[in-house]
Amino acid sequence: MQSPPYILLLLSDKMNSWSVLDPAEGYGLVKVFPNYEEAENWLLEDEYEPLEGRLSSSEIHANI
């Protein structure tokens, strides 16, 4: 694992689409997916590993 780890956030919206956000770039949008499975596959192809934990969108927007 990279040290320090490079973290991306996977966030769903009310329409059940999934967005990958990059906290290192001011939570900028990296990519949008129509479902969780496609987002998960894309992240796994790039060898990202899942971490446990959740944030609400209000917590993310407070950090932007």
PDB file of N, CA and C in Angstrom:
ATOM      1  N   MET A   1       0.836  -1.181   0.000  1.00  0.00           N
ATOM      2  CA  MET A   1       0.000   0.000   0.000  1.00  0.00           C
ATOM      3  C   MET A   1       0.883   1.248   0.000  1.00  0.00           C
ATOM      4  N   GLN A   2       0.471   2.221  -0.736  1.00  0.00           N
ATOM      5  CA  GLN A   2       1.200   3.480  -0.839  1.00  0.00           C
ATOM      6  C   GLN A   2       1.164   4.204   0.501  1.00  0.00           C
ATOM      7  N   SER A   3       2.242   4.885   0.851  1.00  0.00           N
ATOM      8  CA  SER A   3       2.278   5.618   2.115  1.00  0.00           C
ATOM      9  C   SER A   3       2.735   7.038   1.851  1.00  0.00           C
ATOM     10  N   PRO A   4       1.992   8.071   2.178  1.00  0.00           N
ATOM     11  CA  PRO A   4       0.617   7.963   2.670  1.00  0.00           C
ATOM     12  C   PRO A   4      -0.312   7.509   1.553  1.00  0.00           C
ATOM     13  N   PRO A   5      -1.439   6.895   1.922  1.00  0.00           N
ATOM     14  CA  PRO A   5      -2.346   6.391   0.887  1.00  0.00           C
ATOM     15  C   PRO A   5      -2.990   7.515   0.088  1.00  0.00           C
ATOM     16  N   TYR A   6      -3.233   7.246  -1.190  1.00  0.00           N
ATOM     17  CA  TYR A   6      -3.950   8.190  -2.039  1.00  0.00           C
ATOM     18  C   TYR A   6      -5.412   7.786  -1.995  1.00  0.00           C
ATOM     19  N   ILE A   7      -6.257   8.656  -1.502  1.00  0.00           N
ATOM     20  CA  ILE A   7      -7.655   8.318  -1.246  1.00  0.00           C
ATOM     21  C   ILE A   7      -8.567   9.016  -2.247  1.00  0.00           C
ATOM     22  N   LEU A   8      -9.511   8.253  -2.775  1.00  0.00           N
ATOM     23  CA  LEU A   8     -10.604   8.789  -3.571  1.00  0.00           C
ATOM     24  C   LEU A   8     -11.902   8.482  -2.842  1.00  0.00           C
ATOM     25  N   LEU A   9     -12.898   9.341  -2.992  1.00  0.00           N
ATOM     26  CA  LEU A   9     -14.199   9.117  -2.371  1.00  0.00           C
ATOM     27  C   LEU A   9     -15.201   8.676  -3.417  1.00  0.00           C
ATOM     28  N   LEU A  10     -16.035   7.725  -3.036  1.00  0.00           N
ATOM     29  CA  LEU A  10     -17.121   7.260  -3.885  1.00  0.00           C
ATOM     30  C   LEU A  10     -18.419   7.706  -3.229  1.00  0.00           C
ATOM     31  N   LEU A  11     -19.178   8.522  -3.946  1.00  0.00           N
ATOM     32  CA  LEU A  11     -20.368   9.155  -3.382  1.00  0.00           C
ATOM     33  C   LEU A  11     -21.567   8.899  -4.275  1.00  0.00           C
ATOM     34  N   SER A  12     -22.690   8.488  -3.675  1.00  0.00           N
ATOM     35  CA  SER A  12     -23.913   8.288  -4.460  1.00  0.00           C
ATOM     36  C   SER A  12     -24.822   9.497  -4.295  1.00  0.00           C
ATOM     37  N   ASP A  13     -25.709   9.680  -5.269  1.00  0.00           N
ATOM     38  CA  ASP A  13     -26.676  10.765  -5.162  1.00  0.00           C
ATOM     39  C   ASP A  13     -28.088  10.182  -5.114  1.00  0.00           C
ATOM     40  N   LYS A  14     -29.080  11.044  -5.073  1.00  0.00           N
ATOM     41  CA  LYS A  14     -30.469  10.597  -4.959  1.00  0.00           C
ATOM     42  C   LYS A  14     -30.954   9.848  -6.191  1.00  0.00           C
ATOM     43  N   MET A  15     -30.293  10.050  -7.319  1.00  0.00           N
ATOM     44  CA  MET A  15     -30.659   9.359  -8.562  1.00  0.00           C
ATOM     45  C   MET A  15     -29.926   8.011  -8.675  1.00  0.00           C
ATOM     46  N   ASN A  16     -29.165   7.652  -7.642  1.00  0.00           N
ATOM     47  CA  ASN A  16     -28.395   6.421  -7.565  1.00  0.00           C
ATOM     48  C   ASN A  16     -27.276   6.343  -8.594  1.00  0.00           C
ATOM     49  N   SER A  17     -26.752   7.497  -9.014  1.00  0.00           N
ATOM     50  CA  SER A  17     -25.517   7.488  -9.791  1.00  0.00           C
ATOM     51  C   SER A  17     -24.374   7.662  -8.789  1.00  0.00           C
ATOM     52  N   TRP A  18     -23.192   7.280  -9.198  1.00  0.00           N
ATOM     53  CA  TRP A  18     -22.035   7.266  -8.303  1.00  0.00           C
ATOM     54  C   TRP A  18     -20.926   8.140  -8.866  1.00  0.00           C
ATOM     55  N   SER A  19     -20.355   8.986  -8.016  1.00  0.00           N
ATOM     56  CA  SER A  19     -19.279   9.893  -8.416  1.00  0.00           C
ATOM     57  C   SER A  19     -18.017   9.569  -7.632  1.00  0.00           C
ATOM     58  N   VAL A  20     -16.894   9.611  -8.325  1.00  0.00           N
ATOM     59  CA  VAL A  20     -15.591   9.473  -7.680  1.00  0.00           C
ATOM     60  C   VAL A  20     -15.035  10.880  -7.526  1.00  0.00           C
ATOM     61  N   LEU A  21     -14.698  11.258  -6.291  1.00  0.00           N
ATOM     62  CA  LEU A  21     -14.164  12.576  -5.967  1.00  0.00           C
ATOM     63  C   LEU A  21     -12.742  12.451  -5.447  1.00  0.00           C
ATOM     64  N   ASP A  22     -11.920  13.453  -5.720  1.00  0.00           N
ATOM     65  CA  ASP A  22     -10.529  13.457  -5.293  1.00  0.00           C
ATOM     66  C   ASP A  22     -10.313  14.529  -4.224  1.00  0.00           C
ATOM     67  N   PRO A  23     -10.187  14.122  -2.947  1.00  0.00           N
ATOM     68  CA  PRO A  23      -9.975  15.098  -1.876  1.00  0.00           C
ATOM     69  C   PRO A  23      -8.695  15.922  -2.048  1.00  0.00           C
ATOM     70  N   ALA A  24      -7.681  15.355  -2.675  1.00  0.00           N
ATOM     71  CA  ALA A  24      -6.423  16.074  -2.880  1.00  0.00           C
ATOM     72  C   ALA A  24      -6.569  17.209  -3.890  1.00  0.00           C
ATOM     73  N   GLU A  25      -7.635  17.171  -4.679  1.00  0.00           N
ATOM     74  CA  GLU A  25      -7.898  18.205  -5.680  1.00  0.00           C
ATOM     75  C   GLU A  25      -9.148  18.998  -5.336  1.00  0.00           C
ATOM     76  N   GLY A  26      -9.362  19.271  -4.052  1.00  0.00           N
ATOM     77  CA  GLY A  26     -10.518  20.054  -3.622  1.00  0.00           C
ATOM     78  C   GLY A  26     -11.832  19.329  -3.845  1.00  0.00           C
ATOM     79  N   TYR A  27     -11.803  18.017  -3.713  1.00  0.00           N
ATOM     80  CA  TYR A  27     -12.978  17.156  -3.940  1.00  0.00           C
ATOM     81  C   TYR A  27     -13.506  17.297  -5.365  1.00  0.00           C
ATOM     82  N   GLY A  28     -12.589  17.478  -6.299  1.00  0.00           N
ATOM     83  CA  GLY A  28     -12.963  17.579  -7.706  1.00  0.00           C
ATOM     84  C   GLY A  28     -13.491  16.259  -8.239  1.00  0.00           C
ATOM     85  N   LEU A  29     -14.378  16.358  -9.194  1.00  0.00           N
ATOM     86  CA  LEU A  29     -14.991  15.196  -9.807  1.00  0.00           C
ATOM     87  C   LEU A  29     -13.993  14.491 -10.710  1.00  0.00           C
ATOM     88  N   VAL A  30     -13.810  13.189 -10.499  1.00  0.00           N
ATOM     89  CA  VAL A  30     -12.912  12.382 -11.319  1.00  0.00           C
ATOM     90  C   VAL A  30     -13.706  11.663 -12.407  1.00  0.00           C
ATOM     91  N   LYS A  31     -14.818  11.033 -12.014  1.00  0.00           N
ATOM     92  CA  LYS A  31     -15.604  10.246 -12.960  1.00  0.00           C
ATOM     93  C   LYS A  31     -16.982   9.967 -12.361  1.00  0.00           C
ATOM     94  N   VAL A  32     -17.986   9.806 -13.220  1.00  0.00           N
ATOM     95  CA  VAL A  32     -19.357   9.490 -12.791  1.00  0.00           C
ATOM     96  C   VAL A  32     -19.760   8.157 -13.415  1.00  0.00           C
ATOM     97  N   PHE A  33     -20.474   7.349 -12.630  1.00  0.00           N
ATOM     98  CA  PHE A  33     -20.924   6.034 -13.078  1.00  0.00           C
ATOM     99  C   PHE A  33     -22.421   5.891 -12.855  1.00  0.00           C
ATOM    100  N   PRO A  34     -23.097   5.122 -13.707  1.00  0.00           N
ATOM    101  CA  PRO A  34     -24.542   4.954 -13.564  1.00  0.00           C
ATOM    102  C   PRO A  34     -24.936   4.002 -12.439  1.00  0.00           C
ATOM    103  N   ASN A  35     -23.977   3.190 -11.950  1.00  0.00           N
ATOM    104  CA  ASN A  35     -24.293   2.267 -10.854  1.00  0.00           C
ATOM    105  C   ASN A  35     -23.030   1.941 -10.058  1.00  0.00           C
ATOM    106  N   TYR A  36     -23.245   1.349  -8.890  1.00  0.00           N
ATOM    107  CA  TYR A  36     -22.140   1.045  -7.989  1.00  0.00           C
ATOM    108  C   TYR A  36     -21.166   0.038  -8.593  1.00  0.00           C
ATOM    109  N   GLU A  37     -21.683  -0.974  -9.255  1.00  0.00           N
ATOM    110  CA  GLU A  37     -20.831  -2.026  -9.795  1.00  0.00           C
ATOM    111  C   GLU A  37     -19.807  -1.479 -10.792  1.00  0.00           C
ATOM    112  N   GLU A  38     -20.232  -0.577 -11.658  1.00  0.00           N
ATOM    113  CA  GLU A  38     -19.287   0.005 -12.627  1.00  0.00           C
ATOM    114  C   GLU A  38     -18.232   0.851 -11.922  1.00  0.00           C
ATOM    115  N   ALA A  39     -18.639   1.598 -10.906  1.00  0.00           N
ATOM    116  CA  ALA A  39     -17.674   2.401 -10.143  1.00  0.00           C
ATOM    117  C   ALA A  39     -16.681   1.499  -9.427  1.00  0.00           C
ATOM    118  N   GLU A  40     -17.183   0.459  -8.796  1.00  0.00           N
ATOM    119  CA  GLU A  40     -16.314  -0.478  -8.081  1.00  0.00           C
ATOM    120  C   GLU A  40     -15.322  -1.133  -9.040  1.00  0.00           C
ATOM    121  N   ASN A  41     -15.802  -1.590 -10.198  1.00  0.00           N
ATOM    122  CA  ASN A  41     -14.908  -2.222 -11.174  1.00  0.00           C
ATOM    123  C   ASN A  41     -13.825  -1.263 -11.648  1.00  0.00           C
ATOM    124  N   TRP A  42     -14.184  -0.009 -11.904  1.00  0.00           N
ATOM    125  CA  TRP A  42     -13.212   0.979 -12.358  1.00  0.00           C
ATOM    126  C   TRP A  42     -12.132   1.200 -11.293  1.00  0.00           C
ATOM    127  N   LEU A  43     -12.557   1.313 -10.045  1.00  0.00           N
ATOM    128  CA  LEU A  43     -11.591   1.510  -8.964  1.00  0.00           C
ATOM    129  C   LEU A  43     -10.697   0.288  -8.778  1.00  0.00           C
ATOM    130  N   LEU A  44     -11.275  -0.892  -8.854  1.00  0.00           N
ATOM    131  CA  LEU A  44     -10.477  -2.110  -8.688  1.00  0.00           C
ATOM    132  C   LEU A  44      -9.504  -2.310  -9.847  1.00  0.00           C
ATOM    133  N   GLU A  45      -9.900  -1.917 -11.056  1.00  0.00           N
ATOM    134  CA  GLU A  45      -8.989  -2.013 -12.210  1.00  0.00           C
ATOM    135  C   GLU A  45      -7.757  -1.152 -11.998  1.00  0.00           C
ATOM    136  N   ASP A  46      -7.929  -0.020 -11.333  1.00  0.00           N
ATOM    137  CA  ASP A  46      -6.799   0.868 -11.044  1.00  0.00           C
ATOM    138  C   ASP A  46      -6.124   0.518  -9.723  1.00  0.00           C
ATOM    139  N   GLU A  47      -6.479  -0.643  -9.180  1.00  0.00           N
ATOM    140  CA  GLU A  47      -5.868  -1.211  -7.982  1.00  0.00           C
ATOM    141  C   GLU A  47      -6.103  -0.401  -6.715  1.00  0.00           C
ATOM    142  N   TYR A  48      -7.209   0.345  -6.670  1.00  0.00           N
ATOM    143  CA  TYR A  48      -7.595   0.976  -5.416  1.00  0.00           C
ATOM    144  C   TYR A  48      -8.210  -0.077  -4.522  1.00  0.00           C
ATOM    145  N   GLU A  49      -8.011   0.053  -3.228  1.00  0.00           N
ATOM    146  CA  GLU A  49      -8.570  -0.889  -2.269  1.00  0.00           C
ATOM    147  C   GLU A  49      -9.603  -0.169  -1.418  1.00  0.00           C
ATOM    148  N   PRO A  50     -10.729  -0.844  -1.121  1.00  0.00           N
ATOM    149  CA  PRO A  50     -11.766  -0.196  -0.317  1.00  0.00           C
ATOM    150  C   PRO A  50     -11.327  -0.012   1.135  1.00  0.00           C
ATOM    151  N   LEU A  51     -11.756   1.085   1.723  1.00  0.00           N
ATOM    152  CA  LEU A  51     -11.573   1.364   3.143  1.00  0.00           C
ATOM    153  C   LEU A  51     -12.951   1.475   3.765  1.00  0.00           C
ATOM    154  N   GLU A  52     -13.086   1.048   4.995  1.00  0.00           N
ATOM    155  CA  GLU A  52     -14.361   1.159   5.686  1.00  0.00           C
ATOM    156  C   GLU A  52     -14.570   2.592   6.158  1.00  0.00           C
ATOM    157  N   GLY A  53     -15.800   3.041   6.082  1.00  0.00           N
ATOM    158  CA  GLY A  53     -16.127   4.365   6.586  1.00  0.00           C
ATOM    159  C   GLY A  53     -17.086   5.074   5.666  1.00  0.00           C
ATOM    160  N   ARG A  54     -17.762   6.049   6.212  1.00  0.00           N
ATOM    161  CA  ARG A  54     -18.737   6.813   5.439  1.00  0.00           C
ATOM    162  C   ARG A  54     -18.654   8.276   5.834  1.00  0.00           C
ATOM    163  N   LEU A  55     -18.944   9.139   4.877  1.00  0.00           N
ATOM    164  CA  LEU A  55     -19.076  10.573   5.099  1.00  0.00           C
ATOM    165  C   LEU A  55     -20.387  11.017   4.485  1.00  0.00           C
ATOM    166  N   SER A  56     -21.008  11.985   5.081  1.00  0.00           N
ATOM    167  CA  SER A  56     -22.205  12.564   4.452  1.00  0.00           C
ATOM    168  C   SER A  56     -21.761  13.643   3.492  1.00  0.00           C
ATOM    169  N   SER A  57     -22.628  13.978   2.541  1.00  0.00           N
ATOM    170  CA  SER A  57     -22.274  15.019   1.585  1.00  0.00           C
ATOM    171  C   SER A  57     -22.048  16.343   2.285  1.00  0.00           C
ATOM    172  N   SER A  58     -22.751  16.598   3.391  1.00  0.00           N
ATOM    173  CA  SER A  58     -22.547  17.862   4.118  1.00  0.00           C
ATOM    174  C   SER A  58     -21.135  17.922   4.724  1.00  0.00           C
ATOM    175  N   GLU A  59     -20.580  16.788   5.141  1.00  0.00           N
ATOM    176  CA  GLU A  59     -19.214  16.769   5.648  1.00  0.00           C
ATOM    177  C   GLU A  59     -18.208  17.052   4.545  1.00  0.00           C
ATOM    178  N   ILE A  60     -18.477  16.553   3.358  1.00  0.00           N
ATOM    179  CA  ILE A  60     -17.584  16.793   2.228  1.00  0.00           C
ATOM    180  C   ILE A  60     -17.641  18.255   1.813  1.00  0.00           C
ATOM    181  N   HIS A  61     -18.840  18.800   1.683  1.00  0.00           N
ATOM    182  CA  HIS A  61     -18.993  20.189   1.259  1.00  0.00           C
ATOM    183  C   HIS A  61     -18.423  21.161   2.292  1.00  0.00           C
ATOM    184  N   ALA A  62     -18.384  20.768   3.548  1.00  0.00           N
ATOM    185  CA  ALA A  62     -17.805  21.627   4.583  1.00  0.00           C
ATOM    186  C   ALA A  62     -16.291  21.729   4.424  1.00  0.00           C
ATOM    187  N   ASN A  63     -15.673  20.723   3.763  1.00  0.00           N
ATOM    188  CA  ASN A  63     -14.218  20.707   3.582  1.00  0.00           C
ATOM    189  C   ASN A  63     -13.770  21.317   2.264  1.00  0.00           C
ATOM    190  N   ILE A  64     -14.699  21.695   1.416  1.00  0.00           N
ATOM    191  CA  ILE A  64     -14.320  22.254   0.109  1.00  0.00           C
ATOM    192  C   ILE A  64     -13.976  23.716   0.247  1.00  0.00           C
TER     193      ILE A  64
END
